[in-house]
C-alpha cells in the first residue's frame, strides 16, 4: 500500500482517456481505430445474484483487511472508522483500455489493478463512516464510449447487469435497517444513475438512502432528476439527497462537454439541451453554491517522489456556475494530467477528498438523528 500513489500517477494517463471517452470528446476518426473493439460483440454469460455471495467477486466488502481491501487506505493522520454506521455501495470508473473485447474480463489483471487504484483515491473517502462494498464487474471497454455502434450499448447493458446483481446481493447481506450510501465516478456514475432509476426510486429502499454521490457524470436538473428518486442536496446537513459535479479549472473551455451533453437524451425522453447540470459544491454540500479555498478541508496530493500522498488544506476553492459546472477559480497544480479545456475530471474526488469525507459524516449524522 505504501506505493499506492506511484501506481496512481503511473495509471492516470489511462484516466485521461477514460474521462474524455465518458463525454465522447475525442474525435472518432482519431481514436476509434485505437480504442473501439474490432471484435464481434459476444454477450457475457449472465451472472446470478448468488455469484456475488463469493468474496472473490468484490474489491471491497466487510471482512477484508487493509492488505486486501484498497478502500481501507487513508492518508497519514486519518483513520478508518472502527464503528461503521452505514453500508456504502461504490462503483469504480473505467479501467479497461484494451480493444480486444467489448467488456472487460474479470481475469484481466491490468484493468483490475487500475480499478484498485480508483478505490484508494475515491472510495476511501467513505471509510470514515461505513462498510464499503465495491464489486468487480465486467465494465464496458473504453472504446464503447467512442462509437454509436449498437455493440456499445450492449456492452453498457452487460456491465450494468453485473452491477445490478452485485447490488441485489449487497442488499440481501446487509441488515434490513442499515442506512446506505451509494457512490460512483465516470462509468460508475453512469451505472449508478440506472441503478437509482431501477432500485432507489422504489420504497422502502429509498428511505434508507443517506446520500447518492453521482460524481463525474452529468445529471440534468430538468430532464433527469425526477427519474432518479432523490432531490439535490440543498443543505449541508440534509440526508436522502444527491450530489454531483464536473470540475473545471479557469479559464474553463467546456464547449466540447457542453455540446455532447446538449445532444444527449435525458431520462424524460427529451434532449438535455441547455438545461443546467447538477452541481452540488463539494466544499459546502449545497446546490449551486460557492466557497473560498480556505473552506477546503483538504485536497489529496501526491508527493514529489510519487510514493505517498498527503492532505493539503485550502488548496482550491470552487463555484457552481449557471450551467452546472464546478469552477475551481484557477488552475491548481495537482499534476500534468488536466484534460484539454481545463477539465479536472481526473481529480474530481482528490480535489475535495477531506470535504467529501466530512460531507458523508454530516449526512450520516443527520440521517441517524432523524
Foldseek 3Di string as FASTA:
>chain_A
DLLLLVVVVVQLVVVLLLLCLLLLLDDLVVPLVPFAAPDDADQDDFDALVVLVDVVQWQFFPPDDVVRRLLLDDAPPDHFDPDAQAEEEEEEGFQARHRNHQWADPPPVRSVVNSSSRSNQFSNLARNHHGYTYGDFRATHSSLSNDPPPSSVSRLVSRLSRVVSNVVNVCVPDDVQGAYEYEYARSRLVSLQVCLLVPCLDPPNLLRYFEYESEHHWAFPPQADVSSNADDFAALLAGSHYAYAWEFEPPFDCVSSLVSQQQDAGPNRHGSHQGATFHQFLLGRHTQAWDALQSQQFAWAADPVSSHTDTDGSQWIWGQDPRRHIYTHHQGPRDDSQHPRRGPSSRRCRGRSNSNSVSSVSSSVSSVVD
